[in-house]
């Protein structure tokens, strides 16, 4: 999967999450669906539940996200 595919996947997940929040607010619900489990797309390890609660659309664990951001800034 290349960067464009990942960006499109992330955008779609964010769009779906936003629509779920809007719909739950309209229905008077405050609970938002948060994935209970997801694997990091880079290393395959499970993403901690706390990270998923803070950012339900994340695709990487903290370590891999940090590495990805460093590569992006330095162009490696």
PDB file of N, CA and C in Angstrom:
ATOM      1  N   UNK A   1       0.861  -1.175   0.000  1.00  0.00           N
ATOM      2  CA  UNK A   1       0.000   0.000   0.000  1.00  0.00           C
ATOM      3  C   UNK A   1       0.908   1.239   0.000  1.00  0.00           C
ATOM      4  N   UNK A   2       0.680   2.132  -0.942  1.00  0.00           N
ATOM      5  CA  UNK A   2       1.513   3.323  -0.995  1.00  0.00           C
ATOM      6  C   UNK A   2       0.930   4.454  -0.146  1.00  0.00           C
ATOM      7  N   UNK A   3       1.631   5.561  -0.102  1.00  0.00           N
ATOM      8  CA  UNK A   3       1.225   6.682   0.755  1.00  0.00           C
ATOM      9  C   UNK A   3      -0.124   7.264   0.356  1.00  0.00           C
ATOM     10  N   UNK A   4      -0.419   7.299  -0.916  1.00  0.00           N
ATOM     11  CA  UNK A   4      -1.701   7.846  -1.379  1.00  0.00           C
ATOM     12  C   UNK A   4      -2.848   6.956  -0.909  1.00  0.00           C
ATOM     13  N   UNK A   5      -2.661   5.638  -1.026  1.00  0.00           N
ATOM     14  CA  UNK A   5      -3.697   4.710  -0.547  1.00  0.00           C
ATOM     15  C   UNK A   5      -3.905   4.864   0.952  1.00  0.00           C
ATOM     16  N   UNK A   6      -2.817   4.993   1.700  1.00  0.00           N
ATOM     17  CA  UNK A   6      -2.923   5.165   3.154  1.00  0.00           C
ATOM     18  C   UNK A   6      -3.634   6.463   3.498  1.00  0.00           C
ATOM     19  N   UNK A   7      -3.307   7.523   2.782  1.00  0.00           N
ATOM     20  CA  UNK A   7      -3.953   8.811   3.033  1.00  0.00           C
ATOM     21  C   UNK A   7      -5.451   8.728   2.742  1.00  0.00           C
ATOM     22  N   UNK A   8      -5.811   8.059   1.657  1.00  0.00           N
ATOM     23  CA  UNK A   8      -7.223   7.895   1.322  1.00  0.00           C
ATOM     24  C   UNK A   8      -7.932   7.049   2.374  1.00  0.00           C
ATOM     25  N   UNK A   9      -7.263   5.997   2.843  1.00  0.00           N
ATOM     26  CA  UNK A   9      -7.850   5.143   3.873  1.00  0.00           C
ATOM     27  C   UNK A   9      -8.057   5.937   5.162  1.00  0.00           C
ATOM     28  N   UNK A  10      -7.075   6.720   5.552  1.00  0.00           N
ATOM     29  CA  UNK A  10      -7.183   7.531   6.761  1.00  0.00           C
ATOM     30  C   UNK A  10      -8.302   8.562   6.621  1.00  0.00           C
ATOM     31  N   UNK A  11      -8.375   9.204   5.463  1.00  0.00           N
ATOM     32  CA  UNK A  11      -9.429  10.191   5.226  1.00  0.00           C
ATOM     33  C   UNK A  11     -10.813   9.557   5.323  1.00  0.00           C
ATOM     34  N   UNK A  12     -10.968   8.376   4.752  1.00  0.00           N
ATOM     35  CA  UNK A  12     -12.251   7.685   4.813  1.00  0.00           C
ATOM     36  C   UNK A  12     -12.602   7.308   6.247  1.00  0.00           C
ATOM     37  N   UNK A  13     -11.623   6.822   7.017  1.00  0.00           N
ATOM     38  CA  UNK A  13     -11.874   6.466   8.413  1.00  0.00           C
ATOM     39  C   UNK A  13     -12.275   7.701   9.219  1.00  0.00           C
ATOM     40  N   UNK A  14     -11.605   8.815   8.971  1.00  0.00           N
ATOM     41  CA  UNK A  14     -11.939  10.051   9.683  1.00  0.00           C
ATOM     42  C   UNK A  14     -13.335  10.529   9.309  1.00  0.00           C
ATOM     43  N   UNK A  15     -13.697  10.412   8.050  1.00  0.00           N
ATOM     44  CA  UNK A  15     -15.027  10.812   7.587  1.00  0.00           C
ATOM     45  C   UNK A  15     -16.094   9.952   8.262  1.00  0.00           C
ATOM     46  N   UNK A  16     -15.874   8.647   8.296  1.00  0.00           N
ATOM     47  CA  UNK A  16     -16.838   7.752   8.935  1.00  0.00           C
ATOM     48  C   UNK A  16     -16.956   8.042  10.428  1.00  0.00           C
ATOM     49  N   UNK A  17     -15.828   8.316  11.072  1.00  0.00           N
ATOM     50  CA  UNK A  17     -15.846   8.623  12.504  1.00  0.00           C
ATOM     51  C   UNK A  17     -16.625   9.914  12.753  1.00  0.00           C
ATOM     52  N   UNK A  18     -16.403  10.919  11.931  1.00  0.00           N
ATOM     53  CA  UNK A  18     -17.111  12.189  12.087  1.00  0.00           C
ATOM     54  C   UNK A  18     -18.614  12.009  11.892  1.00  0.00           C
ATOM     55  N   UNK A  19     -18.985  11.227  10.898  1.00  0.00           N
ATOM     56  CA  UNK A  19     -20.408  10.974  10.670  1.00  0.00           C
ATOM     57  C   UNK A  19     -21.034  10.215  11.843  1.00  0.00           C
ATOM     58  N   UNK A  20     -20.295   9.287  12.429  1.00  0.00           N
ATOM     59  CA  UNK A  20     -20.795   8.548  13.587  1.00  0.00           C
ATOM     60  C   UNK A  20     -21.007   9.481  14.775  1.00  0.00           C
ATOM     61  N   UNK A  21     -20.106  10.423  14.961  1.00  0.00           N
ATOM     62  CA  UNK A  21     -20.236  11.392  16.064  1.00  0.00           C
ATOM     63  C   UNK A  21     -21.459  12.267  15.837  1.00  0.00           C
ATOM     64  N   UNK A  22     -21.627  12.761  14.620  1.00  0.00           N
ATOM     65  CA  UNK A  22     -22.780  13.611  14.300  1.00  0.00           C
ATOM     66  C   UNK A  22     -24.075  12.847  14.522  1.00  0.00           C
ATOM     67  N   UNK A  23     -24.115  11.619  14.041  1.00  0.00           N
ATOM     68  CA  UNK A  23     -25.332  10.814  14.187  1.00  0.00           C
ATOM     69  C   UNK A  23     -25.632  10.533  15.659  1.00  0.00           C
ATOM     70  N   UNK A  24     -24.618  10.209  16.450  1.00  0.00           N
ATOM     71  CA  UNK A  24     -24.865   9.916  17.866  1.00  0.00           C
ATOM     72  C   UNK A  24     -25.328  11.162  18.604  1.00  0.00           C
ATOM     73  N   UNK A  25     -24.810  12.328  18.225  1.00  0.00           N
ATOM     74  CA  UNK A  25     -25.259  13.574  18.852  1.00  0.00           C
ATOM     75  C   UNK A  25     -26.713  13.863  18.507  1.00  0.00           C
ATOM     76  N   UNK A  26     -27.083  13.596  17.271  1.00  0.00           N
ATOM     77  CA  UNK A  26     -28.470  13.814  16.856  1.00  0.00           C
ATOM     78  C   UNK A  26     -29.421  12.898  17.606  1.00  0.00           C
ATOM     79  N   UNK A  27     -28.948  11.724  17.931  1.00  0.00           N
ATOM     80  CA  UNK A  27     -29.770  10.754  18.642  1.00  0.00           C
ATOM     81  C   UNK A  27     -29.683  10.952  20.151  1.00  0.00           C
ATOM     82  N   UNK A  28     -28.924  11.933  20.584  1.00  0.00           N
ATOM     83  CA  UNK A  28     -28.806  12.217  22.003  1.00  0.00           C
ATOM     84  C   UNK A  28     -27.861  11.296  22.739  1.00  0.00           C
ATOM     85  N   UNK A  29     -27.030  10.604  21.998  1.00  0.00           N
ATOM     86  CA  UNK A  29     -26.071   9.701  22.616  1.00  0.00           C
ATOM     87  C   UNK A  29     -24.720  10.409  22.740  1.00  0.00           C
ATOM     88  N   UNK A  30     -23.997  10.074  23.768  1.00  0.00           N
ATOM     89  CA  UNK A  30     -22.685  10.680  23.947  1.00  0.00           C
ATOM     90  C   UNK A  30     -21.559   9.696  23.705  1.00  0.00           C
ATOM     91  N   UNK A  31     -21.888   8.410  23.598  1.00  0.00           N
ATOM     92  CA  UNK A  31     -20.853   7.413  23.386  1.00  0.00           C
ATOM     93  C   UNK A  31     -20.434   7.383  21.929  1.00  0.00           C
ATOM     94  N   UNK A  32     -19.152   7.304  21.733  1.00  0.00           N
ATOM     95  CA  UNK A  32     -18.608   7.233  20.394  1.00  0.00           C
ATOM     96  C   UNK A  32     -17.953   5.864  20.224  1.00  0.00           C
ATOM     97  N   UNK A  33     -18.127   5.263  19.081  1.00  0.00           N
ATOM     98  CA  UNK A  33     -17.544   3.961  18.831  1.00  0.00           C
ATOM     99  C   UNK A  33     -16.032   4.074  18.695  1.00  0.00           C
ATOM    100  N   UNK A  34     -15.332   3.399  19.579  1.00  0.00           N
ATOM    101  CA  UNK A  34     -13.878   3.382  19.549  1.00  0.00           C
ATOM    102  C   UNK A  34     -13.453   1.944  19.332  1.00  0.00           C
ATOM    103  N   UNK A  35     -12.579   1.716  18.355  1.00  0.00           N
ATOM    104  CA  UNK A  35     -12.138   0.343  18.141  1.00  0.00           C
ATOM    105  C   UNK A  35     -11.492  -0.217  19.397  1.00  0.00           C
ATOM    106  N   UNK A  36     -11.748  -1.488  19.680  1.00  0.00           N
ATOM    107  CA  UNK A  36     -11.156  -2.103  20.864  1.00  0.00           C
ATOM    108  C   UNK A  36      -9.768  -2.630  20.559  1.00  0.00           C
ATOM    109  N   UNK A  37      -9.485  -2.854  19.287  1.00  0.00           N
ATOM    110  CA  UNK A  37      -8.211  -3.454  18.916  1.00  0.00           C
ATOM    111  C   UNK A  37      -7.887  -3.082  17.472  1.00  0.00           C
ATOM    112  N   UNK A  38      -6.640  -2.750  17.228  1.00  0.00           N
ATOM    113  CA  UNK A  38      -6.171  -2.495  15.866  1.00  0.00           C
ATOM    114  C   UNK A  38      -4.672  -2.727  15.859  1.00  0.00           C
ATOM    115  N   UNK A  39      -4.192  -3.286  14.768  1.00  0.00           N
ATOM    116  CA  UNK A  39      -2.753  -3.505  14.619  1.00  0.00           C
ATOM    117  C   UNK A  39      -2.122  -2.332  13.884  1.00  0.00           C
ATOM    118  N   UNK A  40      -0.901  -2.026  14.276  1.00  0.00           N
ATOM    119  CA  UNK A  40      -0.120  -0.988  13.598  1.00  0.00           C
ATOM    120  C   UNK A  40       0.154  -1.445  12.174  1.00  0.00           C
ATOM    121  N   UNK A  41      -0.049  -0.562  11.215  1.00  0.00           N
ATOM    122  CA  UNK A  41       0.155  -0.940   9.823  1.00  0.00           C
ATOM    123  C   UNK A  41       1.629  -1.121   9.485  1.00  0.00           C
ATOM    124  N   UNK A  42       2.528  -0.598  10.304  1.00  0.00           N
ATOM    125  CA  UNK A  42       3.956  -0.736  10.021  1.00  0.00           C
ATOM    126  C   UNK A  42       4.580  -1.960  10.686  1.00  0.00           C
ATOM    127  N   UNK A  43       4.367  -2.133  11.986  1.00  0.00           N
ATOM    128  CA  UNK A  43       5.048  -3.210  12.719  1.00  0.00           C
ATOM    129  C   UNK A  43       4.142  -4.392  13.049  1.00  0.00           C
ATOM    130  N   UNK A  44       2.833  -4.218  12.963  1.00  0.00           N
ATOM    131  CA  UNK A  44       1.910  -5.307  13.233  1.00  0.00           C
ATOM    132  C   UNK A  44       1.562  -5.495  14.703  1.00  0.00           C
ATOM    133  N   UNK A  45       2.187  -4.740  15.582  1.00  0.00           N
ATOM    134  CA  UNK A  45       1.870  -4.835  17.006  1.00  0.00           C
ATOM    135  C   UNK A  45       0.515  -4.181  17.270  1.00  0.00           C
ATOM    136  N   UNK A  46      -0.141  -4.570  18.367  1.00  0.00           N
ATOM    137  CA  UNK A  46      -1.433  -3.964  18.662  1.00  0.00           C
ATOM    138  C   UNK A  46      -1.231  -2.525  19.143  1.00  0.00           C
ATOM    139  N   UNK A  47      -2.139  -1.657  18.726  1.00  0.00           N
ATOM    140  CA  UNK A  47      -2.106  -0.253  19.132  1.00  0.00           C
ATOM    141  C   UNK A  47      -2.784  -0.171  20.498  1.00  0.00           C
ATOM    142  N   UNK A  48      -2.146   0.463  21.475  1.00  0.00           N
ATOM    143  CA  UNK A  48      -2.739   0.535  22.819  1.00  0.00           C
ATOM    144  C   UNK A  48      -4.128   1.173  22.812  1.00  0.00           C
ATOM    145  N   UNK A  49      -5.020   0.628  23.642  1.00  0.00           N
ATOM    146  CA  UNK A  49      -6.398   1.117  23.742  1.00  0.00           C
ATOM    147  C   UNK A  49      -6.450   2.610  24.041  1.00  0.00           C
ATOM    148  N   UNK A  50      -5.571   3.087  24.904  1.00  0.00           N
ATOM    149  CA  UNK A  50      -5.582   4.511  25.257  1.00  0.00           C
ATOM    150  C   UNK A  50      -5.310   5.372  24.020  1.00  0.00           C
ATOM    151  N   UNK A  51      -4.391   4.931  23.160  1.00  0.00           N
ATOM    152  CA  UNK A  51      -4.103   5.678  21.926  1.00  0.00           C
ATOM    153  C   UNK A  51      -5.324   5.676  21.016  1.00  0.00           C
ATOM    154  N   UNK A  52      -6.008   4.539  20.921  1.00  0.00           N
ATOM    155  CA  UNK A  52      -7.203   4.463  20.082  1.00  0.00           C
ATOM    156  C   UNK A  52      -8.330   5.338  20.615  1.00  0.00           C
ATOM    157  N   UNK A  53      -8.422   5.465  21.939  1.00  0.00           N
ATOM    158  CA  UNK A  53      -9.446   6.333  22.515  1.00  0.00           C
ATOM    159  C   UNK A  53      -9.160   7.791  22.189  1.00  0.00           C
ATOM    160  N   UNK A  54      -7.882   8.157  22.199  1.00  0.00           N
ATOM    161  CA  UNK A  54      -7.516   9.541  21.899  1.00  0.00           C
ATOM    162  C   UNK A  54      -7.605   9.846  20.405  1.00  0.00           C
ATOM    163  N   UNK A  55      -7.300   8.840  19.595  1.00  0.00           N
ATOM    164  CA  UNK A  55      -7.323   9.026  18.144  1.00  0.00           C
ATOM    165  C   UNK A  55      -7.826   7.739  17.496  1.00  0.00           C
ATOM    166  N   UNK A  56      -9.145   7.575  17.381  1.00  0.00           N
ATOM    167  CA  UNK A  56      -9.719   6.327  16.862  1.00  0.00           C
ATOM    168  C   UNK A  56      -9.327   5.992  15.429  1.00  0.00           C
ATOM    169  N   UNK A  57      -8.825   6.949  14.669  1.00  0.00           N
ATOM    170  CA  UNK A  57      -8.479   6.686  13.278  1.00  0.00           C
ATOM    171  C   UNK A  57      -6.997   6.418  13.066  1.00  0.00           C
ATOM    172  N   UNK A  58      -6.227   6.356  14.157  1.00  0.00           N
ATOM    173  CA  UNK A  58      -4.790   6.144  14.013  1.00  0.00           C
ATOM    174  C   UNK A  58      -4.496   4.801  13.355  1.00  0.00           C
ATOM    175  N   UNK A  59      -3.454   4.769  12.554  1.00  0.00           N
ATOM    176  CA  UNK A  59      -3.068   3.551  11.850  1.00  0.00           C
ATOM    177  C   UNK A  59      -1.752   2.983  12.365  1.00  0.00           C
ATOM    178  N   UNK A  60      -1.057   3.751  13.221  1.00  0.00           N
ATOM    179  CA  UNK A  60       0.257   3.334  13.703  1.00  0.00           C
ATOM    180  C   UNK A  60       0.355   3.443  15.216  1.00  0.00           C
ATOM    181  N   UNK A  61       1.232   2.611  15.795  1.00  0.00           N
ATOM    182  CA  UNK A  61       1.564   2.755  17.210  1.00  0.00           C
ATOM    183  C   UNK A  61       2.419   4.017  17.361  1.00  0.00           C
ATOM    184  N   UNK A  62       2.659   4.432  18.581  1.00  0.00           N
ATOM    185  CA  UNK A  62       3.399   5.670  18.831  1.00  0.00           C
ATOM    186  C   UNK A  62       4.800   5.596  18.234  1.00  0.00           C
ATOM    187  N   UNK A  63       5.504   4.481  18.450  1.00  0.00           N
ATOM    188  CA  UNK A  63       6.877   4.368  17.942  1.00  0.00           C
ATOM    189  C   UNK A  63       6.931   4.490  16.420  1.00  0.00           C
ATOM    190  N   UNK A  64       6.060   3.770  15.733  1.00  0.00           N
ATOM    191  CA  UNK A  64       6.062   3.809  14.265  1.00  0.00           C
ATOM    192  C   UNK A  64       5.603   5.166  13.742  1.00  0.00           C
ATOM    193  N   UNK A  65       4.654   5.809  14.423  1.00  0.00           N
ATOM    194  CA  UNK A  65       4.213   7.138  14.005  1.00  0.00           C
ATOM    195  C   UNK A  65       5.359   8.131  14.133  1.00  0.00           C
ATOM    196  N   UNK A  66       6.105   8.024  15.234  1.00  0.00           N
ATOM    197  CA  UNK A  66       7.255   8.909  15.445  1.00  0.00           C
ATOM    198  C   UNK A  66       8.293   8.699  14.351  1.00  0.00           C
ATOM    199  N   UNK A  67       8.599   7.433  14.038  1.00  0.00           N
ATOM    200  CA  UNK A  67       9.567   7.127  12.977  1.00  0.00           C
ATOM    201  C   UNK A  67       9.080   7.667  11.633  1.00  0.00           C
ATOM    202  N   UNK A  68       7.796   7.502  11.361  1.00  0.00           N
ATOM    203  CA  UNK A  68       7.231   7.980  10.106  1.00  0.00           C
ATOM    204  C   UNK A  68       7.347   9.495   9.982  1.00  0.00           C
ATOM    205  N   UNK A  69       7.063  10.191  11.070  1.00  0.00           N
ATOM    206  CA  UNK A  69       7.160  11.653  11.054  1.00  0.00           C
ATOM    207  C   UNK A  69       8.601  12.094  10.869  1.00  0.00           C
ATOM    208  N   UNK A  70       9.536  11.408  11.496  1.00  0.00           N
ATOM    209  CA  UNK A  70      10.958  11.751  11.344  1.00  0.00           C
ATOM    210  C   UNK A  70      11.406  11.531   9.913  1.00  0.00           C
ATOM    211  N   UNK A  71      10.980  10.420   9.306  1.00  0.00           N
ATOM    212  CA  UNK A  71      11.340  10.158   7.900  1.00  0.00           C
ATOM    213  C   UNK A  71      10.778  11.254   7.003  1.00  0.00           C
ATOM    214  N   UNK A  72       9.557  11.670   7.289  1.00  0.00           N
ATOM    215  CA  UNK A  72       8.919  12.703   6.474  1.00  0.00           C
ATOM    216  C   UNK A  72       9.619  14.028   6.567  1.00  0.00           C
ATOM    217  N   UNK A  73      10.076  14.390   7.754  1.00  0.00           N
ATOM    218  CA  UNK A  73      10.762  15.674   7.947  1.00  0.00           C
ATOM    219  C   UNK A  73      12.150  15.674   7.334  1.00  0.00           C
ATOM    220  N   UNK A  74      12.809  14.509   7.381  1.00  0.00           N
ATOM    221  CA  UNK A  74      14.185  14.445   6.913  1.00  0.00           C
ATOM    222  C   UNK A  74      14.301  13.875   5.511  1.00  0.00           C
ATOM    223  N   UNK A  75      13.196  13.394   4.966  1.00  0.00           N
ATOM    224  CA  UNK A  75      13.196  12.889   3.599  1.00  0.00           C
ATOM    225  C   UNK A  75      13.900  11.559   3.409  1.00  0.00           C
ATOM    226  N   UNK A  76      14.033  10.739   4.442  1.00  0.00           N
ATOM    227  CA  UNK A  76      14.690   9.444   4.300  1.00  0.00           C
ATOM    228  C   UNK A  76      13.684   8.452   3.766  1.00  0.00           C
TER     229      UNK A  76
END
